[in-house]
Each structure stands twice: as structure tokens, then as C-alpha cells.
């Protein structure tokens, strides 16, 4: 009987948690630079979560200096962890479909987000990134931390001029 009561209590709390309204995400106060949609619980614009640069910068910031195929010397990238951004919207999927300003699309497995310290960079060498400089947002893997990251698979997943993420 105690086991059944414990199970019923757990189910009740789980049901209440699922029926409670999701935590609010402030609306952007300036032009949005990123839209997150799909399997997310926290939204601020219909069925999506929109972020302006101020919101991106309000997340915990991380930096690393790495070598990439796009620059002739090591460069420093700064921005929030992709995992932190997805946690802010309570994402719950297995794949991210990332879309760039020019409509380039690439799928990123959520296991990559959990395994590596992938950042959504908004700064390159401590300067904001303009569209012509692969900005304003660039998904970057820490290539120099693991040999498997220095492959075309991960270079292709490092999408610059990011404008949208769909959690599937």
C-alpha cells in the first residue's frame, strides 16, 4: 500500500508540474537576433522564444581561443554555451535544426550539446561580430579540445550567421 501511495503522490506532483505555467522569458527589448522553436517549454512570442543581443549577453558567458579552417590564426570566441541557451527555453528534443541568414541548414544532435562546450559566439577576438564577419551569432565547437572535432562533420555544424534553432 505504501508503494502505491508513493507512486500516486509522485504522479500527482508530476501532473501539477506539467500543468503549471512555464517560467516567463522576457520579450526582446530590441531587434531579435535568434528565434528558438519546436520542443521548448518557455516561450515569449507565440510558439517561439525570441532573443535579442541583450538577452544573449545576459546568459553566462564563456570564451575559448581555437584554430579554425576559416581564419589563418587562432581566434577567440565569446558567448553563452548552447546548452545554457537551450536550458533557458527548457528544450527537450534530440536534434537541433540550425538555420543561417542565407537559409543554410544543418542538424546538430543534442548529444553534441551535452558532450562538448559548444558556444553561440557573439564576439570574435573581443569584438561584436557583424554579418560580414560571420555574425551576429556563430555556433562554434571547441575544435582544439578533441581530435574528433577537427573534422568536416563538426566544421559543418559550426553554423555562422545563425538566425534560428528548431528543437526536434
N, C-alpha and C. Protein backbone atom coordinates (compact mmCIF):
# COMPACT_ATOMS: atom_id res chain seq x y z
N UNK A 1 0.82 -1.19 0.00
CA UNK A 1 0.00 0.00 0.00
C UNK A 1 0.87 1.26 0.00
N UNK A 2 1.96 1.26 0.77
CA UNK A 2 2.84 2.42 0.83
C UNK A 2 3.46 2.71 -0.52
N UNK A 3 3.82 1.67 -1.26
CA UNK A 3 4.40 1.86 -2.59
C UNK A 3 3.39 2.51 -3.53
N UNK A 4 2.13 2.05 -3.47
CA UNK A 4 1.08 2.62 -4.32
C UNK A 4 0.85 4.09 -3.96
N UNK A 5 0.82 4.41 -2.67
CA UNK A 5 0.62 5.79 -2.22
C UNK A 5 1.79 6.67 -2.69
N UNK A 6 3.00 6.17 -2.57
CA UNK A 6 4.17 6.92 -3.01
C UNK A 6 4.10 7.17 -4.52
N UNK A 7 3.72 6.14 -5.27
CA UNK A 7 3.60 6.28 -6.71
C UNK A 7 2.51 7.30 -7.07
N UNK A 8 1.37 7.22 -6.41
CA UNK A 8 0.28 8.16 -6.67
C UNK A 8 0.69 9.60 -6.35
N UNK A 9 1.42 9.78 -5.25
CA UNK A 9 1.89 11.11 -4.88
C UNK A 9 2.86 11.64 -5.93
N UNK A 10 3.76 10.78 -6.38
CA UNK A 10 4.73 11.19 -7.42
C UNK A 10 4.01 11.57 -8.70
N UNK A 11 3.02 10.79 -9.08
CA UNK A 11 2.26 11.11 -10.30
C UNK A 11 1.49 12.41 -10.16
N UNK A 12 0.94 12.66 -8.98
CA UNK A 12 0.23 13.91 -8.73
C UNK A 12 1.17 15.10 -8.90
N UNK A 13 2.35 15.04 -8.27
CA UNK A 13 3.31 16.14 -8.38
C UNK A 13 3.78 16.33 -9.81
N UNK A 14 4.00 15.23 -10.52
CA UNK A 14 4.43 15.33 -11.92
C UNK A 14 3.34 16.00 -12.76
N UNK A 15 2.07 15.61 -12.50
CA UNK A 15 0.97 16.22 -13.23
C UNK A 15 0.85 17.71 -12.96
N UNK A 16 1.02 18.10 -11.69
CA UNK A 16 0.96 19.51 -11.34
C UNK A 16 2.11 20.29 -11.98
N UNK A 17 3.28 19.69 -12.01
CA UNK A 17 4.43 20.36 -12.62
C UNK A 17 4.20 20.58 -14.10
N UNK A 18 3.63 19.58 -14.77
CA UNK A 18 3.39 19.71 -16.20
C UNK A 18 2.27 20.69 -16.52
N UNK A 19 1.31 20.83 -15.61
CA UNK A 19 0.19 21.73 -15.88
C UNK A 19 0.47 23.16 -15.45
N UNK A 20 1.51 23.36 -14.65
CA UNK A 20 1.85 24.72 -14.20
C UNK A 20 2.37 25.53 -15.37
N UNK A 21 2.13 26.82 -15.38
CA UNK A 21 2.65 27.63 -16.47
C UNK A 21 4.17 27.62 -16.46
N UNK A 22 4.76 27.64 -17.66
CA UNK A 22 6.22 27.66 -17.78
C UNK A 22 6.75 29.00 -17.28
N UNK A 23 8.00 28.99 -16.85
CA UNK A 23 8.63 30.23 -16.42
C UNK A 23 8.64 31.22 -17.57
N UNK A 24 8.47 32.47 -17.26
CA UNK A 24 8.41 33.50 -18.29
C UNK A 24 9.81 33.83 -18.80
N UNK A 25 9.88 34.13 -20.07
CA UNK A 25 11.10 34.61 -20.71
C UNK A 25 10.76 36.03 -21.18
N UNK A 26 11.52 37.00 -20.72
CA UNK A 26 11.23 38.38 -21.11
C UNK A 26 11.19 38.50 -22.63
N UNK A 27 10.37 39.41 -23.10
CA UNK A 27 10.33 39.71 -24.53
C UNK A 27 11.56 40.54 -24.89
N UNK A 28 12.05 40.39 -26.10
CA UNK A 28 13.20 41.20 -26.51
C UNK A 28 12.86 42.69 -26.46
N UNK A 29 13.81 43.51 -26.03
CA UNK A 29 13.59 44.95 -25.99
C UNK A 29 14.15 45.63 -27.24
N UNK A 30 14.86 44.88 -28.05
CA UNK A 30 15.36 45.39 -29.33
C UNK A 30 15.18 44.30 -30.39
N UNK A 31 15.71 44.53 -31.56
CA UNK A 31 15.52 43.60 -32.68
C UNK A 31 16.01 42.20 -32.32
N UNK A 32 15.14 41.17 -32.45
CA UNK A 32 15.58 39.80 -32.17
C UNK A 32 16.67 39.35 -33.14
N UNK A 33 17.64 38.58 -32.61
CA UNK A 33 18.72 38.04 -33.44
C UNK A 33 18.62 36.53 -33.54
N UNK A 34 17.79 35.91 -32.67
CA UNK A 34 17.67 34.45 -32.68
C UNK A 34 16.25 34.06 -32.28
N UNK A 35 15.69 33.10 -33.02
CA UNK A 35 14.38 32.54 -32.70
C UNK A 35 14.56 31.05 -32.44
N UNK A 36 14.01 30.59 -31.32
CA UNK A 36 14.06 29.17 -30.98
C UNK A 36 12.63 28.65 -30.98
N UNK A 37 12.41 27.53 -31.67
CA UNK A 37 11.07 26.97 -31.78
C UNK A 37 11.13 25.45 -31.60
N UNK A 38 9.97 24.82 -31.71
CA UNK A 38 9.90 23.37 -31.60
C UNK A 38 9.60 22.93 -30.19
N UNK A 39 10.31 21.91 -29.74
CA UNK A 39 10.06 21.30 -28.43
C UNK A 39 10.72 22.13 -27.32
N UNK A 40 10.05 23.24 -26.99
CA UNK A 40 10.51 24.11 -25.91
C UNK A 40 9.32 24.41 -25.01
N UNK A 41 9.59 24.60 -23.73
CA UNK A 41 8.52 24.87 -22.77
C UNK A 41 8.40 26.34 -22.43
N UNK A 42 9.45 27.12 -22.62
CA UNK A 42 9.44 28.53 -22.27
C UNK A 42 9.45 29.35 -23.56
N UNK A 43 8.44 30.21 -23.70
CA UNK A 43 8.25 30.98 -24.93
C UNK A 43 7.96 32.43 -24.58
N UNK A 44 8.22 33.33 -25.53
CA UNK A 44 7.89 34.73 -25.30
C UNK A 44 7.25 35.40 -26.52
N UNK A 45 7.02 34.62 -27.57
CA UNK A 45 6.40 35.16 -28.79
C UNK A 45 5.62 34.04 -29.47
N UNK A 46 4.38 33.87 -29.08
CA UNK A 46 3.58 32.77 -29.65
C UNK A 46 4.18 31.43 -29.26
N UNK A 47 4.49 30.62 -30.26
CA UNK A 47 5.08 29.30 -30.00
C UNK A 47 6.60 29.31 -30.07
N UNK A 48 7.20 30.48 -29.99
CA UNK A 48 8.66 30.59 -30.10
C UNK A 48 9.24 31.37 -28.93
N UNK A 49 10.55 31.28 -28.84
CA UNK A 49 11.31 32.12 -27.91
C UNK A 49 12.24 32.96 -28.77
N UNK A 50 12.13 34.27 -28.61
CA UNK A 50 12.99 35.19 -29.38
C UNK A 50 13.97 35.86 -28.44
N UNK A 51 15.20 35.98 -28.92
CA UNK A 51 16.27 36.58 -28.13
C UNK A 51 16.85 37.77 -28.89
N UNK A 52 17.03 38.88 -28.18
CA UNK A 52 17.81 39.98 -28.75
C UNK A 52 19.23 39.83 -28.21
N UNK A 53 20.14 40.68 -28.65
CA UNK A 53 21.53 40.54 -28.24
C UNK A 53 21.70 40.74 -26.74
N UNK A 54 20.90 41.63 -26.15
CA UNK A 54 20.97 41.86 -24.70
C UNK A 54 20.65 40.57 -23.95
N UNK A 55 19.66 39.81 -24.40
CA UNK A 55 19.28 38.56 -23.76
C UNK A 55 20.38 37.50 -23.93
N UNK A 56 21.00 37.47 -25.10
CA UNK A 56 22.11 36.54 -25.35
C UNK A 56 23.26 36.86 -24.40
N UNK A 57 23.56 38.14 -24.25
CA UNK A 57 24.67 38.57 -23.38
C UNK A 57 24.35 38.40 -21.91
N UNK A 58 23.07 38.30 -21.55
CA UNK A 58 22.68 38.13 -20.14
C UNK A 58 22.92 36.69 -19.66
N UNK A 59 23.04 35.75 -20.59
CA UNK A 59 23.34 34.37 -20.21
C UNK A 59 24.80 34.29 -19.77
N UNK A 60 25.18 33.30 -18.97
CA UNK A 60 26.60 33.17 -18.58
C UNK A 60 27.48 33.08 -19.83
N UNK A 61 28.56 33.84 -19.83
CA UNK A 61 29.44 33.93 -20.99
C UNK A 61 30.68 33.05 -20.83
N UNK A 62 31.11 32.48 -21.94
CA UNK A 62 32.29 31.61 -21.98
C UNK A 62 33.14 32.02 -23.17
N UNK A 63 34.44 31.78 -23.06
CA UNK A 63 35.36 32.08 -24.16
C UNK A 63 36.34 30.94 -24.35
N UNK A 64 36.76 30.74 -25.59
CA UNK A 64 37.90 29.90 -25.87
C UNK A 64 38.60 30.41 -27.11
N UNK A 65 39.88 30.14 -27.19
CA UNK A 65 40.69 30.51 -28.35
C UNK A 65 41.04 29.22 -29.07
N UNK A 66 40.69 29.17 -30.36
CA UNK A 66 40.88 27.95 -31.14
C UNK A 66 41.37 28.26 -32.55
N UNK A 67 41.87 27.22 -33.18
CA UNK A 67 42.19 27.27 -34.61
C UNK A 67 40.96 26.78 -35.37
N UNK A 68 40.66 27.43 -36.48
CA UNK A 68 39.52 27.02 -37.31
C UNK A 68 39.96 27.02 -38.77
N UNK A 69 39.18 26.38 -39.64
CA UNK A 69 39.52 26.43 -41.06
C UNK A 69 39.19 27.78 -41.72
N UNK A 70 38.52 28.68 -41.00
CA UNK A 70 38.06 29.93 -41.60
C UNK A 70 38.97 31.12 -41.32
N UNK A 71 39.89 30.96 -40.40
CA UNK A 71 40.80 32.05 -40.04
C UNK A 71 42.24 31.53 -40.09
N UNK A 72 43.17 32.40 -40.46
CA UNK A 72 44.56 31.95 -40.63
C UNK A 72 45.37 31.90 -39.34
N UNK A 73 44.76 32.26 -38.22
CA UNK A 73 45.43 32.18 -36.92
C UNK A 73 44.39 31.83 -35.87
N UNK A 74 44.82 31.40 -34.68
CA UNK A 74 43.84 31.13 -33.62
C UNK A 74 43.04 32.40 -33.28
N UNK A 75 41.75 32.21 -33.03
CA UNK A 75 40.87 33.33 -32.70
C UNK A 75 40.09 33.01 -31.44
N UNK A 76 39.69 34.06 -30.75
CA UNK A 76 38.93 33.92 -29.51
C UNK A 76 37.45 34.14 -29.79
N UNK A 77 36.63 33.19 -29.37
CA UNK A 77 35.19 33.29 -29.48
C UNK A 77 34.60 33.45 -28.09
N UNK A 78 33.56 34.29 -27.97
CA UNK A 78 32.89 34.51 -26.69
C UNK A 78 31.38 34.47 -26.90
N UNK A 79 30.69 33.81 -25.97
CA UNK A 79 29.23 33.75 -25.99
C UNK A 79 28.74 32.74 -24.98
N UNK A 80 27.43 32.59 -24.88
CA UNK A 80 26.88 31.61 -23.94
C UNK A 80 27.05 30.19 -24.48
N UNK A 81 27.06 29.24 -23.57
CA UNK A 81 27.01 27.84 -24.00
C UNK A 81 25.67 27.60 -24.68
N UNK A 82 25.70 26.83 -25.76
CA UNK A 82 24.45 26.46 -26.42
C UNK A 82 23.55 25.72 -25.43
N UNK A 83 24.15 24.94 -24.55
CA UNK A 83 23.38 24.22 -23.53
C UNK A 83 22.64 25.18 -22.61
N UNK A 84 23.27 26.29 -22.23
CA UNK A 84 22.61 27.28 -21.37
C UNK A 84 21.45 27.95 -22.09
N UNK A 85 21.64 28.26 -23.35
CA UNK A 85 20.57 28.89 -24.14
C UNK A 85 19.38 27.93 -24.23
N UNK A 86 19.65 26.66 -24.49
CA UNK A 86 18.57 25.67 -24.60
C UNK A 86 17.91 25.43 -23.25
N UNK A 87 18.67 25.50 -22.17
CA UNK A 87 18.09 25.36 -20.83
C UNK A 87 17.15 26.53 -20.53
N UNK A 88 17.47 27.71 -21.03
CA UNK A 88 16.64 28.89 -20.78
C UNK A 88 15.24 28.73 -21.37
N UNK A 89 15.12 27.93 -22.43
CA UNK A 89 13.81 27.70 -23.05
C UNK A 89 13.25 26.32 -22.71
N UNK A 90 13.97 25.61 -21.84
CA UNK A 90 13.59 24.26 -21.43
C UNK A 90 13.36 23.37 -22.66
N UNK A 91 14.38 23.32 -23.51
CA UNK A 91 14.33 22.48 -24.72
C UNK A 91 14.33 21.01 -24.32
N UNK A 92 13.58 20.19 -25.05
CA UNK A 92 13.52 18.76 -24.76
C UNK A 92 13.36 17.97 -26.06
N UNK A 93 14.44 17.88 -26.79
CA UNK A 93 14.43 17.14 -28.03
C UNK A 93 15.72 16.37 -28.20
N UNK A 94 15.89 15.79 -29.37
CA UNK A 94 17.10 15.01 -29.65
C UNK A 94 17.97 15.65 -30.73
N UNK A 95 17.38 16.60 -31.47
CA UNK A 95 18.11 17.22 -32.58
C UNK A 95 17.78 18.71 -32.65
N UNK A 96 18.78 19.50 -33.00
CA UNK A 96 18.58 20.91 -33.29
C UNK A 96 18.73 21.11 -34.78
N UNK A 97 17.78 21.78 -35.37
CA UNK A 97 17.92 22.18 -36.77
C UNK A 97 18.31 23.66 -36.73
N UNK A 98 19.54 23.94 -37.15
CA UNK A 98 20.06 25.31 -37.11
C UNK A 98 19.96 25.93 -38.50
N UNK A 99 19.53 27.20 -38.55
CA UNK A 99 19.33 27.89 -39.83
C UNK A 99 20.08 29.22 -39.81
N UNK A 100 20.80 29.48 -40.90
CA UNK A 100 21.55 30.72 -41.04
C UNK A 100 20.75 31.75 -41.80
N UNK A 101 21.25 32.98 -41.80
CA UNK A 101 20.60 34.08 -42.52
C UNK A 101 20.40 33.75 -44.00
N UNK A 102 21.36 33.03 -44.60
CA UNK A 102 21.26 32.68 -46.03
C UNK A 102 20.49 31.37 -46.24
N UNK A 103 19.80 30.87 -45.19
CA UNK A 103 18.99 29.66 -45.20
C UNK A 103 19.80 28.36 -45.24
N UNK A 104 21.12 28.43 -45.03
CA UNK A 104 21.91 27.20 -44.83
C UNK A 104 21.33 26.52 -43.60
N UNK A 105 21.16 25.21 -43.68
CA UNK A 105 20.59 24.44 -42.58
C UNK A 105 21.50 23.27 -42.25
N UNK A 106 21.58 22.98 -40.96
CA UNK A 106 22.36 21.82 -40.52
C UNK A 106 21.71 21.29 -39.25
N UNK A 107 21.71 19.97 -39.11
CA UNK A 107 21.21 19.35 -37.89
C UNK A 107 22.37 19.13 -36.93
N UNK A 108 22.12 19.42 -35.66
CA UNK A 108 23.11 19.23 -34.60
C UNK A 108 22.48 18.31 -33.57
N UNK A 109 23.05 17.12 -33.35
CA UNK A 109 22.49 16.24 -32.33
C UNK A 109 22.61 16.86 -30.94
N UNK A 110 21.60 16.70 -30.12
CA UNK A 110 21.64 17.23 -28.76
C UNK A 110 22.78 16.59 -27.96
N UNK A 111 23.19 15.39 -28.35
CA UNK A 111 24.32 14.76 -27.65
C UNK A 111 25.59 15.60 -27.81
N UNK A 112 25.74 16.29 -28.94
CA UNK A 112 26.89 17.19 -29.12
C UNK A 112 26.84 18.33 -28.10
N UNK A 113 25.65 18.86 -27.89
CA UNK A 113 25.46 19.98 -26.98
C UNK A 113 25.80 19.56 -25.54
N UNK A 114 25.47 18.32 -25.21
CA UNK A 114 25.73 17.80 -23.87
C UNK A 114 27.20 17.40 -23.70
N UNK A 115 27.81 16.91 -24.76
CA UNK A 115 29.17 16.36 -24.67
C UNK A 115 30.26 17.43 -24.76
N UNK A 116 30.04 18.45 -25.59
CA UNK A 116 31.06 19.47 -25.85
C UNK A 116 30.58 20.83 -25.36
N UNK A 117 31.49 21.70 -25.05
CA UNK A 117 31.16 23.06 -24.61
C UNK A 117 30.99 23.95 -25.85
N UNK A 118 29.90 23.69 -26.58
CA UNK A 118 29.57 24.44 -27.79
C UNK A 118 29.06 25.81 -27.36
N UNK A 119 29.56 26.87 -28.00
CA UNK A 119 29.07 28.20 -27.65
C UNK A 119 28.36 28.84 -28.84
N UNK A 120 27.48 29.76 -28.51
CA UNK A 120 26.84 30.62 -29.50
C UNK A 120 27.59 31.95 -29.40
N UNK A 121 28.63 32.06 -30.21
CA UNK A 121 29.52 33.21 -30.12
C UNK A 121 28.86 34.46 -30.70
N UNK A 122 29.05 35.57 -30.00
CA UNK A 122 28.63 36.87 -30.50
C UNK A 122 29.83 37.81 -30.57
N UNK A 123 30.98 37.32 -30.09
CA UNK A 123 32.21 38.11 -30.19
C UNK A 123 33.33 37.27 -30.78
N UNK A 124 34.12 37.93 -31.60
CA UNK A 124 35.32 37.35 -32.20
C UNK A 124 36.47 38.25 -31.80
N UNK A 125 37.45 37.68 -31.09
CA UNK A 125 38.58 38.47 -30.58
C UNK A 125 38.10 39.72 -29.84
N UNK A 126 37.11 39.52 -28.96
CA UNK A 126 36.56 40.56 -28.07
C UNK A 126 35.84 41.69 -28.80
N UNK A 127 35.40 41.46 -30.04
CA UNK A 127 34.64 42.46 -30.79
C UNK A 127 33.35 41.81 -31.29
N UNK A 128 32.26 42.59 -31.25
CA UNK A 128 31.00 42.10 -31.78
C UNK A 128 31.18 41.70 -33.24
N UNK A 129 30.46 40.65 -33.63
CA UNK A 129 30.60 40.14 -35.00
C UNK A 129 29.48 40.70 -35.88
N UNK A 130 29.88 41.38 -36.93
CA UNK A 130 28.93 41.88 -37.92
C UNK A 130 28.56 40.73 -38.86
N UNK A 131 27.49 40.89 -39.61
CA UNK A 131 27.08 39.86 -40.56
C UNK A 131 28.23 39.53 -41.51
N UNK A 132 28.95 40.52 -41.97
CA UNK A 132 30.06 40.28 -42.91
C UNK A 132 31.22 39.53 -42.26
N UNK A 133 31.23 39.47 -40.90
CA UNK A 133 32.27 38.76 -40.15
C UNK A 133 31.73 37.47 -39.53
N UNK A 134 30.74 36.86 -40.18
CA UNK A 134 30.14 35.60 -39.75
C UNK A 134 29.18 35.77 -38.57
N UNK A 135 28.78 36.98 -38.26
CA UNK A 135 27.90 37.24 -37.13
C UNK A 135 26.47 37.46 -37.57
N UNK A 136 25.63 37.90 -36.69
CA UNK A 136 25.97 38.27 -35.32
C UNK A 136 26.15 37.08 -34.38
N UNK A 137 25.68 35.88 -34.78
CA UNK A 137 25.83 34.69 -33.94
C UNK A 137 26.48 33.56 -34.74
N UNK A 138 27.36 32.82 -34.08
CA UNK A 138 28.14 31.77 -34.72
C UNK A 138 28.20 30.59 -33.74
N UNK A 139 27.64 29.45 -34.11
CA UNK A 139 27.73 28.25 -33.28
C UNK A 139 29.13 27.67 -33.49
N UNK A 140 29.91 27.57 -32.39
CA UNK A 140 31.30 27.15 -32.50
C UNK A 140 31.59 26.01 -31.54
N UNK A 141 32.22 24.97 -32.07
CA UNK A 141 32.67 23.85 -31.26
C UNK A 141 34.10 24.13 -30.80
N UNK A 142 34.50 23.60 -29.66
CA UNK A 142 35.87 23.80 -29.17
C UNK A 142 36.84 22.85 -29.88
N UNK A 143 37.11 23.13 -31.15
CA UNK A 143 37.86 22.22 -32.02
C UNK A 143 39.17 21.72 -31.44
N UNK A 144 39.88 22.55 -30.72
CA UNK A 144 41.20 22.17 -30.22
C UNK A 144 41.17 21.26 -29.00
N UNK A 145 39.99 20.95 -28.48
CA UNK A 145 39.91 20.12 -27.28
C UNK A 145 39.81 18.63 -27.57
N UNK A 146 39.47 18.25 -28.80
CA UNK A 146 39.33 16.84 -29.14
C UNK A 146 39.55 16.64 -30.63
N UNK A 147 40.34 15.64 -30.99
CA UNK A 147 40.67 15.38 -32.39
C UNK A 147 39.41 15.14 -33.24
N UNK A 148 38.41 14.47 -32.67
CA UNK A 148 37.20 14.17 -33.45
C UNK A 148 36.44 15.43 -33.87
N UNK A 149 36.70 16.55 -33.19
CA UNK A 149 36.03 17.80 -33.55
C UNK A 149 36.67 18.47 -34.76
N UNK A 150 37.88 18.09 -35.11
CA UNK A 150 38.57 18.70 -36.25
C UNK A 150 38.29 17.90 -37.52
N UNK A 151 36.99 17.75 -37.82
CA UNK A 151 36.55 17.02 -39.00
C UNK A 151 35.46 17.82 -39.70
N UNK A 152 35.20 17.46 -40.94
CA UNK A 152 34.17 18.18 -41.70
C UNK A 152 32.80 18.09 -41.03
N UNK A 153 32.52 17.00 -40.34
CA UNK A 153 31.23 16.85 -39.66
C UNK A 153 31.00 18.02 -38.69
N UNK A 154 31.99 18.31 -37.86
CA UNK A 154 31.82 19.37 -36.86
C UNK A 154 32.05 20.76 -37.45
N UNK A 155 32.88 20.87 -38.46
CA UNK A 155 33.02 22.17 -39.12
C UNK A 155 31.70 22.57 -39.76
N UNK A 156 30.97 21.60 -40.35
CA UNK A 156 29.67 21.89 -40.97
C UNK A 156 28.62 22.25 -39.94
N UNK A 157 28.73 21.70 -38.74
CA UNK A 157 27.77 22.01 -37.67
C UNK A 157 28.04 23.37 -37.04
N UNK A 158 29.18 23.94 -37.31
CA UNK A 158 29.53 25.27 -36.79
C UNK A 158 28.97 26.31 -37.74
N UNK A 159 27.73 26.61 -37.54
CA UNK A 159 26.98 27.47 -38.45
C UNK A 159 27.13 28.94 -38.05
N UNK A 160 27.54 29.75 -39.01
CA UNK A 160 27.65 31.18 -38.72
C UNK A 160 26.43 31.90 -39.27
N UNK A 161 26.28 33.14 -38.87
CA UNK A 161 25.10 33.95 -39.21
C UNK A 161 23.81 33.23 -38.79
N UNK A 162 23.88 32.58 -37.62
CA UNK A 162 22.74 31.83 -37.09
C UNK A 162 21.55 32.77 -36.85
N UNK A 163 20.37 32.32 -37.32
CA UNK A 163 19.15 33.13 -37.06
C UNK A 163 18.06 32.33 -36.35
N UNK A 164 18.10 30.99 -36.44
CA UNK A 164 17.02 30.20 -35.84
C UNK A 164 17.50 28.81 -35.44
N UNK A 165 16.86 28.30 -34.39
CA UNK A 165 17.06 26.93 -33.95
C UNK A 165 15.68 26.29 -33.78
N UNK A 166 15.49 25.11 -34.32
CA UNK A 166 14.27 24.36 -34.09
C UNK A 166 14.65 23.09 -33.33
N UNK A 167 14.03 22.91 -32.17
CA UNK A 167 14.30 21.72 -31.35
C UNK A 167 13.32 20.65 -31.79
N UNK A 168 13.86 19.51 -32.21
CA UNK A 168 13.01 18.39 -32.64
C UNK A 168 13.30 17.16 -31.80
